[in-house]
Amino acid sequence: MIYRETLVDPWEHFWSFVGAFVGIFIIALIQSLQLPALENIFLIGSFGASSVLVYGAIQSPLAQPRNLIGGHVVSALAGVTVAQILPDIIWLTAPFAVALSIVCMQHTRTLHPPGGATALIAVSSGTKISSMGYWYVLSPVLSGCLILFVVALLFNNITKNRHYPVKMSRLRRSRREHLKKRFERIKQTASPSS
């Protein structure tokens, strides 16, 4: 039995491949030009997982720009904060960073599964990333997300069948409905009774 999500037009596979290749290629190229080969800090593993979402599952609410960028940034902030506050005990910092990143993403409505890895990298990647402190949030995290996002905008809108970001996603629709109901309640309580 074939998983239904994989039954897409072969051109969809092609554009997913090209988008992911170009997005990671740009990040890796910057990495190779800016840093020695042994200092792999710009090309973090969670960008690979983000590529699966933003190039291969572009309709997913978890792949949308707010989730891609916000999820990584919020998670990086959570991970760095844990690394700064707690002692360097991996069995304490690793689960705390991941758990905190999940709650922070949920609270900010930026849930992006690779964000958990971004938080984990902040506490488990050794001295180079830990010495960066909050700079880790700006680069590699934010700068890498922006690269993935710009490439996603280009390659996910190259054909008439691919649209990114999704304008009428279920997540946006439910948020609009929630806000509309809240506004109606406020309007009803504010109107004078006859």
Protein backbone atom coordinates (compact mmCIF):
# COMPACT_ATOMS: atom_id res chain seq x y z
CA MET A 1 0.00 0.00 0.00
CA ILE A 2 1.35 3.43 -0.94
CA TYR A 3 1.01 6.33 1.46
CA ARG A 4 -1.53 8.70 -0.11
CA GLU A 5 0.54 11.87 0.41
CA THR A 6 3.22 10.49 -1.94
CA LEU A 7 0.75 10.12 -4.81
CA VAL A 8 1.40 13.46 -6.44
CA ASP A 9 2.25 14.64 -9.89
CA PRO A 10 5.87 13.79 -10.83
CA TRP A 11 6.42 17.50 -11.43
CA GLU A 12 5.63 18.07 -7.75
CA HIS A 13 8.45 15.67 -6.87
CA PHE A 14 10.74 17.53 -9.26
CA TRP A 15 10.01 20.97 -7.76
CA SER A 16 10.28 19.59 -4.22
CA PHE A 17 13.70 18.20 -5.11
CA VAL A 18 14.89 21.40 -6.79
CA GLY A 19 13.63 23.65 -3.98
CA ALA A 20 15.21 21.54 -1.23
CA PHE A 21 18.44 21.21 -3.19
CA VAL A 22 18.76 24.95 -3.81
CA GLY A 23 17.76 25.93 -0.26
CA ILE A 24 20.27 23.63 1.44
CA PHE A 25 22.87 24.34 -1.29
CA ILE A 26 22.81 28.08 -0.51
CA ILE A 27 23.16 27.48 3.23
CA ALA A 28 25.97 24.93 2.68
CA LEU A 29 27.74 27.26 0.23
CA ILE A 30 27.69 30.10 2.75
CA GLN A 31 28.95 27.64 5.37
CA SER A 32 31.85 26.54 3.18
CA LEU A 33 32.83 30.08 2.19
CA GLN A 34 32.61 31.60 5.67
CA LEU A 35 33.86 28.93 8.04
CA PRO A 36 36.59 26.29 8.17
CA ALA A 37 35.47 22.79 7.25
CA LEU A 38 35.55 21.57 10.86
CA GLU A 39 33.24 24.30 12.16
CA ASN A 40 29.87 23.17 10.90
CA ILE A 41 27.60 25.62 12.70
CA PHE A 42 25.67 27.30 9.91
CA LEU A 43 24.25 24.11 8.40
CA ILE A 44 22.24 22.79 11.34
CA GLY A 45 20.42 19.48 11.02
CA SER A 46 16.98 20.87 11.73
CA PHE A 47 17.10 22.71 8.38
CA GLY A 48 16.95 19.32 6.64
CA ALA A 49 13.71 18.52 8.44
CA SER A 50 12.34 21.99 7.63
CA SER A 51 13.11 21.37 3.97
CA VAL A 52 10.88 18.29 4.01
CA LEU A 53 8.01 20.48 5.17
CA VAL A 54 8.53 23.68 3.17
CA TYR A 55 9.37 21.97 -0.14
CA GLY A 56 7.62 18.60 0.16
CA ALA A 57 4.52 19.29 2.28
CA ILE A 58 3.79 22.90 1.39
CA GLN A 59 0.08 22.63 2.23
CA SER A 60 0.80 21.68 5.84
CA PRO A 61 0.02 24.33 8.46
CA LEU A 62 3.38 23.41 10.04
CA ALA A 63 5.19 24.42 6.83
CA GLN A 64 3.83 27.96 6.60
CA PRO A 65 6.21 30.95 6.96
CA ARG A 66 5.06 31.88 10.47
CA ASN A 67 5.77 28.34 11.62
CA LEU A 68 9.04 27.95 9.73
CA ILE A 69 10.63 31.19 10.90
CA GLY A 70 8.82 31.64 14.21
CA GLY A 71 9.19 28.02 15.25
CA HIS A 72 12.93 28.00 14.72
CA VAL A 73 13.53 31.40 16.32
CA VAL A 74 11.35 30.69 19.36
CA SER A 75 13.01 27.28 19.79
CA ALA A 76 16.50 28.72 19.42
CA LEU A 77 15.68 31.32 22.09
CA ALA A 78 14.39 28.57 24.38
CA GLY A 79 17.45 26.38 23.78
CA VAL A 80 19.97 29.16 24.32
CA THR A 81 18.17 30.32 27.44
CA VAL A 82 18.28 26.80 28.89
CA ALA A 83 21.99 26.56 27.99
CA GLN A 84 22.66 29.89 29.71
CA ILE A 85 20.67 29.19 32.89
CA LEU A 86 21.09 25.50 33.66
CA PRO A 87 24.38 23.73 34.39
CA ASP A 88 25.95 21.82 31.52
CA ILE A 89 24.33 18.47 32.35
CA ILE A 90 23.03 17.01 29.10
CA TRP A 91 20.39 14.75 30.71
CA LEU A 92 18.89 17.92 32.21
CA THR A 93 19.42 20.53 29.49
CA ALA A 94 18.41 18.41 26.48
CA PRO A 95 14.90 17.42 27.62
CA PHE A 96 14.29 20.83 29.20
CA ALA A 97 15.25 22.69 25.99
CA VAL A 98 13.05 20.51 23.77
CA ALA A 99 10.07 20.56 26.15
CA LEU A 100 10.33 24.33 26.64
CA SER A 101 10.58 24.91 22.89
CA ILE A 102 7.39 22.92 22.30
CA VAL A 103 5.43 24.92 24.87
CA CYS A 104 6.83 28.21 23.54
CA MET A 105 5.90 27.29 19.96
CA GLN A 106 2.42 26.25 21.06
CA HIS A 107 1.96 29.49 22.99
CA THR A 108 3.11 31.63 20.04
CA ARG A 109 1.23 29.51 17.46
CA THR A 110 4.46 28.79 15.60
CA LEU A 111 4.60 24.99 15.96
CA HIS A 112 7.26 23.64 13.59
CA PRO A 113 8.56 20.15 14.49
CA PRO A 114 12.18 20.83 13.42
CA GLY A 115 12.21 23.60 16.03
CA GLY A 116 12.65 20.95 18.71
CA ALA A 117 15.91 19.95 17.04
CA THR A 118 16.98 23.60 16.87
CA ALA A 119 16.55 23.86 20.66
CA LEU A 120 18.37 20.57 21.17
CA ILE A 121 21.30 21.70 19.03
CA ALA A 122 21.65 24.82 21.23
CA VAL A 123 22.36 22.68 24.29
CA SER A 124 24.13 19.66 22.79
CA SER A 125 26.45 20.87 20.05
CA GLY A 126 29.58 21.59 22.03
CA THR A 127 31.56 24.70 22.70
CA LYS A 128 31.31 26.47 19.35
CA ILE A 129 27.52 26.93 19.38
CA SER A 130 27.30 27.37 23.15
CA SER A 131 29.94 30.12 22.98
CA MET A 132 27.75 31.97 20.48
CA GLY A 133 25.04 32.52 23.07
CA TYR A 134 22.06 34.41 21.65
CA TRP A 135 23.91 35.08 18.39
CA TYR A 136 22.94 31.49 17.54
CA VAL A 137 19.37 32.75 17.18
CA LEU A 138 20.34 35.29 14.50
CA SER A 139 22.88 33.18 12.65
CA PRO A 140 22.63 30.36 11.81
CA VAL A 141 18.95 30.03 12.83
CA LEU A 142 17.17 33.16 11.56
CA SER A 143 19.44 33.68 8.55
CA GLY A 144 19.08 30.02 7.52
CA CYS A 145 15.29 30.16 7.91
CA LEU A 146 15.12 33.26 5.75
CA ILE A 147 17.13 31.51 3.03
CA LEU A 148 14.81 28.48 3.13
CA PHE A 149 11.78 30.80 3.06
CA VAL A 150 12.94 32.87 0.05
CA VAL A 151 13.80 29.72 -1.90
CA ALA A 152 10.40 28.25 -0.94
CA LEU A 153 8.68 31.37 -2.25
CA LEU A 154 10.50 31.01 -5.56
CA PHE A 155 10.19 27.28 -6.19
CA ASN A 156 6.81 26.65 -4.56
CA ASN A 157 5.13 29.26 -6.74
CA ILE A 158 6.82 28.37 -10.01
CA THR A 159 3.86 26.40 -11.35
CA LYS A 160 0.12 27.05 -11.20
CA ASN A 161 -0.41 23.98 -8.98
CA ARG A 162 1.98 24.97 -6.19
CA HIS A 163 1.12 27.86 -3.88
CA TYR A 164 3.18 28.95 -0.90
CA PRO A 165 2.25 30.22 1.56
CA VAL A 166 -1.20 28.69 1.59
CA LYS A 167 -3.75 31.47 1.71
CA MET A 168 -6.76 29.46 2.81
CA SER A 169 -5.16 26.95 5.16
CA ARG A 170 -7.25 25.20 7.80
CA LEU A 171 -5.17 26.89 10.49
CA ARG A 172 -5.81 30.39 9.12
CA ARG A 173 -9.51 29.62 8.65
CA SER A 174 -9.93 28.37 12.23
CA ARG A 175 -8.06 31.41 13.56
CA ARG A 176 -10.32 33.76 11.56
CA GLU A 177 -13.42 31.95 12.84
CA HIS A 178 -12.13 32.18 16.41
CA LEU A 179 -11.47 35.92 16.09
CA LYS A 180 -14.87 36.49 14.47
CA LYS A 181 -16.67 34.72 17.34
CA ARG A 182 -14.65 36.66 19.91
CA PHE A 183 -15.47 39.96 18.18
CA GLU A 184 -19.18 39.08 18.07
CA ARG A 185 -19.16 38.29 21.84
CA ILE A 186 -17.44 41.58 22.61
CA LYS A 187 -19.88 43.43 20.36
CA GLN A 188 -22.86 41.80 22.09
CA THR A 189 -21.63 42.61 25.60
CA ALA A 190 -20.76 46.19 24.64
CA SER A 191 -24.10 46.99 22.99
CA PRO A 192 -26.68 48.58 25.32
CA SER A 193 -29.60 46.32 26.17
CA SER A 194 -33.03 47.54 25.35
